[in-house]
Amino acid sequence: MSSYLILKHIHITAVVLSGLFFLLRGGWLLQHSPQLKAKWVKISPHVIDTILLFSAIAMLVVSGQFPAWVHVKMTLLLVYIGLGLMAFKKAKTTKQQVVFLVSALLVYMFIISVAIAKSPLGVFA
């Protein structure tokens, strides 16, 4: 198996874990669960997202390419992170939390769409 393919599998695994863990944490947030205060819950997103980012960079280096759709994914990733921060740290009401959580998940799904279609417009291209 090529190094690119190994990196791609690591990256996709991190993408899935990031989304699933975001959903789990979002559910805990809305339930006011004490689980959100657990040390492993606070650290895990950073570990997962670091693996996600480094595997993406490594794939770019190995492939020697940096297509336009990757720029879009990176920009959307910043939006996803920002919306997550708003939901978990800044939102004061449950309604605000829900709006930010749903918005972040929609951005997450669009990032996946861009990756699958390999187009800045995602599957809407």
C-alpha atoms as a PDB file:
ATOM      1  CA  MET A   1       0.000   0.000   0.000  1.00  0.00           C
ATOM      2  CA  SER A   2       1.394   3.418  -0.942  1.00  0.00           C
ATOM      3  CA  SER A   3       2.178   6.061   1.674  1.00  0.00           C
ATOM      4  CA  TYR A   4      -0.495   8.304   0.148  1.00  0.00           C
ATOM      5  CA  LEU A   5      -3.138   5.597   0.566  1.00  0.00           C
ATOM      6  CA  ILE A   6      -2.126   5.003   4.186  1.00  0.00           C
ATOM      7  CA  LEU A   7      -2.347   8.744   4.879  1.00  0.00           C
ATOM      8  CA  LYS A   8      -5.720   8.896   3.161  1.00  0.00           C
ATOM      9  CA  HIS A   9      -7.078   6.095   5.376  1.00  0.00           C
ATOM     10  CA  ILE A  10      -5.769   7.851   8.496  1.00  0.00           C
ATOM     11  CA  HIS A  11      -7.322  11.113   7.300  1.00  0.00           C
ATOM     12  CA  ILE A  12     -10.723   9.588   6.558  1.00  0.00           C
ATOM     13  CA  THR A  13     -10.728   7.820   9.928  1.00  0.00           C
ATOM     14  CA  ALA A  14      -9.973  11.136  11.641  1.00  0.00           C
ATOM     15  CA  VAL A  15     -12.760  12.841   9.642  1.00  0.00           C
ATOM     16  CA  VAL A  16     -15.288  10.255  10.816  1.00  0.00           C
ATOM     17  CA  LEU A  17     -14.055  10.378  14.424  1.00  0.00           C
ATOM     18  CA  SER A  18     -14.149  14.181  14.414  1.00  0.00           C
ATOM     19  CA  GLY A  19     -17.755  14.261  13.240  1.00  0.00           C
ATOM     20  CA  LEU A  20     -18.967  11.480  15.533  1.00  0.00           C
ATOM     21  CA  PHE A  21     -17.248  12.952  18.569  1.00  0.00           C
ATOM     22  CA  PHE A  22     -18.635  16.401  17.718  1.00  0.00           C
ATOM     23  CA  LEU A  23     -22.138  14.892  17.622  1.00  0.00           C
ATOM     24  CA  LEU A  24     -21.589  13.118  20.938  1.00  0.00           C
ATOM     25  CA  ARG A  25     -20.252  16.272  22.602  1.00  0.00           C
ATOM     26  CA  GLY A  26     -23.124  18.287  21.120  1.00  0.00           C
ATOM     27  CA  GLY A  27     -25.616  15.856  22.637  1.00  0.00           C
ATOM     28  CA  TRP A  28     -23.886  16.114  25.993  1.00  0.00           C
ATOM     29  CA  LEU A  29     -23.908  19.909  25.716  1.00  0.00           C
ATOM     30  CA  LEU A  30     -27.655  20.013  25.125  1.00  0.00           C
ATOM     31  CA  GLN A  31     -28.235  17.557  28.001  1.00  0.00           C
ATOM     32  CA  HIS A  32     -25.941  19.537  30.318  1.00  0.00           C
ATOM     33  CA  SER A  33     -23.994  16.334  30.907  1.00  0.00           C
ATOM     34  CA  PRO A  34     -21.078  16.386  33.358  1.00  0.00           C
ATOM     35  CA  GLN A  35     -19.206  14.227  30.786  1.00  0.00           C
ATOM     36  CA  LEU A  36     -18.255  17.437  28.980  1.00  0.00           C
ATOM     37  CA  LYS A  37     -15.993  18.348  31.885  1.00  0.00           C
ATOM     38  CA  ALA A  38     -14.021  15.086  31.748  1.00  0.00           C
ATOM     39  CA  LYS A  39     -10.367  15.638  30.875  1.00  0.00           C
ATOM     40  CA  TRP A  40     -10.367  13.067  28.043  1.00  0.00           C
ATOM     41  CA  VAL A  41     -13.410  14.785  26.487  1.00  0.00           C
ATOM     42  CA  LYS A  42     -11.617  18.131  26.507  1.00  0.00           C
ATOM     43  CA  ILE A  43      -8.376  16.711  25.068  1.00  0.00           C
ATOM     44  CA  SER A  44      -9.734  14.256  22.460  1.00  0.00           C
ATOM     45  CA  PRO A  45     -10.997  16.802  19.898  1.00  0.00           C
ATOM     46  CA  HIS A  46      -7.559  18.423  19.804  1.00  0.00           C
ATOM     47  CA  VAL A  47      -5.838  15.072  19.296  1.00  0.00           C
ATOM     48  CA  ILE A  48      -8.284  14.006  16.570  1.00  0.00           C
ATOM     49  CA  ASP A  49      -8.127  17.343  14.774  1.00  0.00           C
ATOM     50  CA  THR A  50      -4.324  17.401  14.947  1.00  0.00           C
ATOM     51  CA  ILE A  51      -4.205  13.968  13.299  1.00  0.00           C
ATOM     52  CA  LEU A  52      -6.726  15.225  10.749  1.00  0.00           C
ATOM     53  CA  LEU A  53      -4.662  18.293   9.916  1.00  0.00           C
ATOM     54  CA  PHE A  54      -1.275  16.554   9.805  1.00  0.00           C
ATOM     55  CA  SER A  55      -2.580  13.725   7.632  1.00  0.00           C
ATOM     56  CA  ALA A  56      -4.041  16.303   5.222  1.00  0.00           C
ATOM     57  CA  ILE A  57      -0.763  18.216   5.043  1.00  0.00           C
ATOM     58  CA  ALA A  58       1.173  14.985   4.573  1.00  0.00           C
ATOM     59  CA  MET A  59      -1.111  13.954   1.692  1.00  0.00           C
ATOM     60  CA  LEU A  60      -0.500  17.315   0.026  1.00  0.00           C
ATOM     61  CA  VAL A  61       3.257  16.928   0.423  1.00  0.00           C
ATOM     62  CA  VAL A  62       3.260  13.344  -0.863  1.00  0.00           C
ATOM     63  CA  SER A  63       1.023  14.191  -3.829  1.00  0.00           C
ATOM     64  CA  GLY A  64       2.852  17.425  -4.640  1.00  0.00           C
ATOM     65  CA  GLN A  65      -0.488  19.073  -5.431  1.00  0.00           C
ATOM     66  CA  PHE A  66      -2.588  21.779  -3.781  1.00  0.00           C
ATOM     67  CA  PRO A  67      -5.819  22.004  -5.804  1.00  0.00           C
ATOM     68  CA  ALA A  68      -8.432  24.738  -5.341  1.00  0.00           C
ATOM     69  CA  TRP A  69     -10.894  22.438  -3.603  1.00  0.00           C
ATOM     70  CA  VAL A  70      -8.334  21.856  -0.824  1.00  0.00           C
ATOM     71  CA  HIS A  71      -8.205  25.620  -0.207  1.00  0.00           C
ATOM     72  CA  VAL A  72     -11.991  25.554   0.184  1.00  0.00           C
ATOM     73  CA  LYS A  73     -11.807  22.620   2.610  1.00  0.00           C
ATOM     74  CA  MET A  74      -9.214  24.408   4.736  1.00  0.00           C
ATOM     75  CA  THR A  75     -11.292  27.586   4.856  1.00  0.00           C
ATOM     76  CA  LEU A  76     -14.426  25.640   5.725  1.00  0.00           C
ATOM     77  CA  LEU A  77     -12.512  23.795   8.447  1.00  0.00           C
ATOM     78  CA  LEU A  78     -11.810  27.140  10.114  1.00  0.00           C
ATOM     79  CA  VAL A  79     -15.523  27.995   9.874  1.00  0.00           C
ATOM     80  CA  TYR A  80     -16.434  24.567  11.366  1.00  0.00           C
ATOM     81  CA  ILE A  81     -14.008  25.087  14.258  1.00  0.00           C
ATOM     82  CA  GLY A  82     -15.307  28.619  14.848  1.00  0.00           C
ATOM     83  CA  LEU A  83     -18.917  27.467  14.943  1.00  0.00           C
ATOM     84  CA  GLY A  84     -17.971  24.673  17.330  1.00  0.00           C
ATOM     85  CA  LEU A  85     -16.227  27.145  19.622  1.00  0.00           C
ATOM     86  CA  MET A  86     -19.313  29.325  19.576  1.00  0.00           C
ATOM     87  CA  ALA A  87     -21.564  26.380  20.449  1.00  0.00           C
ATOM     88  CA  PHE A  88     -19.397  25.032  23.266  1.00  0.00           C
ATOM     89  CA  LYS A  89     -17.872  28.195  24.720  1.00  0.00           C
ATOM     90  CA  LYS A  90     -19.826  31.322  23.784  1.00  0.00           C
ATOM     91  CA  ALA A  91     -23.502  30.441  23.264  1.00  0.00           C
ATOM     92  CA  LYS A  92     -25.567  31.482  26.265  1.00  0.00           C
ATOM     93  CA  THR A  93     -28.882  29.807  25.491  1.00  0.00           C
ATOM     94  CA  THR A  94     -29.889  26.348  24.314  1.00  0.00           C
ATOM     95  CA  LYS A  95     -31.319  27.909  21.158  1.00  0.00           C
ATOM     96  CA  GLN A  96     -27.964  29.529  20.363  1.00  0.00           C
ATOM     97  CA  GLN A  97     -26.172  26.240  21.053  1.00  0.00           C
ATOM     98  CA  VAL A  98     -28.497  24.383  18.690  1.00  0.00           C
ATOM     99  CA  VAL A  99     -28.044  26.985  15.941  1.00  0.00           C
ATOM    100  CA  PHE A 100     -24.244  26.805  16.187  1.00  0.00           C
ATOM    101  CA  LEU A 101     -24.190  22.997  16.449  1.00  0.00           C
ATOM    102  CA  VAL A 102     -26.442  22.547  13.414  1.00  0.00           C
ATOM    103  CA  SER A 103     -24.498  25.170  11.454  1.00  0.00           C
ATOM    104  CA  ALA A 104     -21.212  23.430  12.286  1.00  0.00           C
ATOM    105  CA  LEU A 105     -22.621  20.065  11.195  1.00  0.00           C
ATOM    106  CA  LEU A 106     -23.842  21.541   7.904  1.00  0.00           C
ATOM    107  CA  VAL A 107     -20.367  22.958   7.259  1.00  0.00           C
ATOM    108  CA  TYR A 108     -18.847  19.573   8.207  1.00  0.00           C
ATOM    109  CA  MET A 109     -21.105  17.847   5.671  1.00  0.00           C
ATOM    110  CA  PHE A 110     -20.183  20.392   2.993  1.00  0.00           C
ATOM    111  CA  ILE A 111     -16.479  19.805   3.674  1.00  0.00           C
ATOM    112  CA  ILE A 112     -17.070  16.104   3.044  1.00  0.00           C
ATOM    113  CA  SER A 113     -19.028  16.985  -0.090  1.00  0.00           C
ATOM    114  CA  VAL A 114     -16.101  19.063  -1.398  1.00  0.00           C
ATOM    115  CA  ALA A 115     -13.697  16.198  -0.681  1.00  0.00           C
ATOM    116  CA  ILE A 116     -15.845  13.583  -2.401  1.00  0.00           C
ATOM    117  CA  ALA A 117     -16.529  15.725  -5.475  1.00  0.00           C
ATOM    118  CA  LYS A 118     -12.987  17.183  -5.503  1.00  0.00           C
ATOM    119  CA  SER A 119     -14.657  20.461  -6.406  1.00  0.00           C
ATOM    120  CA  PRO A 120     -14.903  23.770  -4.531  1.00  0.00           C
ATOM    121  CA  LEU A 121     -18.681  23.561  -4.999  1.00  0.00           C
ATOM    122  CA  GLY A 122     -18.904  20.058  -3.600  1.00  0.00           C
ATOM    123  CA  VAL A 123     -21.593  17.834  -4.995  1.00  0.00           C
ATOM    124  CA  PHE A 124     -23.405  20.933  -6.235  1.00  0.00           C
ATOM    125  CA  ALA A 125     -20.872  21.396  -9.041  1.00  0.00           C
END
